[in-house]
Amino acid sequence: MVPRKDGNYPRLIQEGIEMERDALTRANIFCYAKEHFGSEPEYLWARTPESAVLRHADNRKWYAIVMPVERAHLGLPGEGV
């Protein structure tokens, strides 16, 4: 997400629920997925144990992956994830 000209990030709005940018955490994502879709995170890779996928209950296809991404890969300033 790109900050506005004033340097602040816009609010994230999903299905009418407003959340500040900092409130969008792994725990919140997983809680939302469980409450709305009945999905639990699955940790599939030993090499990246912090990466998780969320699947549709009916066909088991992924609908989300939660994983750390280097800031540089997203075009963001600074170092780290």
Protein backbone atom coordinates (compact mmCIF):
# COMPACT_ATOMS: atom_id res chain seq x y z
CA MET A 1 0.00 0.00 0.00
CA VAL A 2 1.31 3.42 -0.91
CA PRO A 3 1.03 6.33 1.54
CA ARG A 4 -0.94 9.44 0.57
CA LYS A 5 0.86 12.69 -0.19
CA ASP A 6 0.65 13.67 3.49
CA GLY A 7 2.66 10.53 4.37
CA ASN A 8 -0.22 8.74 6.10
CA TYR A 9 -1.67 5.47 4.95
CA PRO A 10 -5.35 5.31 4.04
CA ARG A 11 -7.71 3.20 6.11
CA LEU A 12 -8.29 -0.35 4.97
CA ILE A 13 -11.95 -1.15 4.46
CA GLN A 14 -13.15 -4.73 4.05
CA GLU A 15 -16.83 -5.67 4.05
CA GLY A 16 -17.74 -2.47 5.86
CA ILE A 17 -15.25 -3.00 8.70
CA GLU A 18 -12.70 -0.21 9.04
CA MET A 19 -9.26 -1.12 10.35
CA GLU A 20 -6.20 1.02 10.79
CA ARG A 21 -3.18 -0.22 8.81
CA ASP A 22 -1.44 -1.42 11.98
CA ALA A 23 -4.47 -3.50 13.00
CA LEU A 24 -4.07 -5.80 10.00
CA THR A 25 -1.99 -8.51 11.67
CA ARG A 26 -1.55 -12.21 11.00
CA ALA A 27 -3.76 -12.95 14.00
CA ASN A 28 -6.52 -10.67 12.69
CA ILE A 29 -6.35 -12.21 9.22
CA PHE A 30 -6.54 -15.74 10.62
CA CYS A 31 -9.37 -14.80 12.99
CA TYR A 32 -11.34 -13.19 10.12
CA ALA A 33 -10.79 -16.27 7.92
CA LYS A 34 -11.99 -18.61 10.67
CA GLU A 35 -15.07 -16.54 11.50
CA HIS A 36 -16.16 -15.87 7.91
CA PHE A 37 -14.92 -18.91 6.00
CA GLY A 38 -14.18 -21.59 8.61
CA SER A 39 -10.54 -21.69 7.46
CA GLU A 40 -7.53 -22.48 9.62
CA PRO A 41 -3.99 -21.58 8.49
CA GLU A 42 -1.92 -24.46 7.12
CA TYR A 43 1.86 -24.34 7.39
CA LEU A 44 3.14 -26.33 4.42
CA TRP A 45 6.83 -25.55 4.12
CA ALA A 46 9.56 -26.53 6.56
CA ARG A 47 11.89 -24.02 4.92
CA THR A 48 9.56 -21.10 5.68
CA PRO A 49 7.62 -22.11 8.80
CA GLU A 50 6.10 -18.62 9.16
CA SER A 51 4.32 -18.92 5.78
CA ALA A 52 0.72 -20.14 5.85
CA VAL A 53 -2.03 -20.75 3.32
CA LEU A 54 -5.79 -20.48 3.71
CA ARG A 55 -8.01 -22.82 1.67
CA HIS A 56 -11.60 -22.95 0.50
CA ALA A 57 -13.43 -25.63 2.48
CA ASP A 58 -15.25 -27.11 -0.51
CA ASN A 59 -12.47 -27.53 -3.09
CA ARG A 60 -9.33 -27.09 -0.91
CA LYS A 61 -7.89 -24.50 -3.31
CA TRP A 62 -5.88 -21.69 -1.76
CA TYR A 63 -7.50 -18.31 -1.50
CA ALA A 64 -4.71 -16.63 0.48
CA ILE A 65 -1.10 -16.98 1.47
CA VAL A 66 0.37 -15.13 4.44
CA MET A 67 4.13 -14.83 4.30
CA PRO A 68 6.92 -12.37 5.01
CA VAL A 69 8.07 -10.42 1.97
CA GLU A 70 11.16 -8.22 1.77
CA ARG A 71 10.24 -4.53 1.61
CA ALA A 72 12.40 -4.09 -1.50
CA HIS A 73 10.31 -6.69 -3.39
CA LEU A 74 7.25 -4.50 -2.79
CA GLY A 75 8.97 -1.29 -3.83
CA LEU A 76 8.96 0.03 -0.25
CA PRO A 77 11.83 2.00 1.27
CA GLY A 78 13.96 0.52 4.04
CA GLU A 79 15.27 -2.94 4.78
CA GLY A 80 13.64 -6.06 6.19
CA VAL A 81 10.16 -7.50 5.93
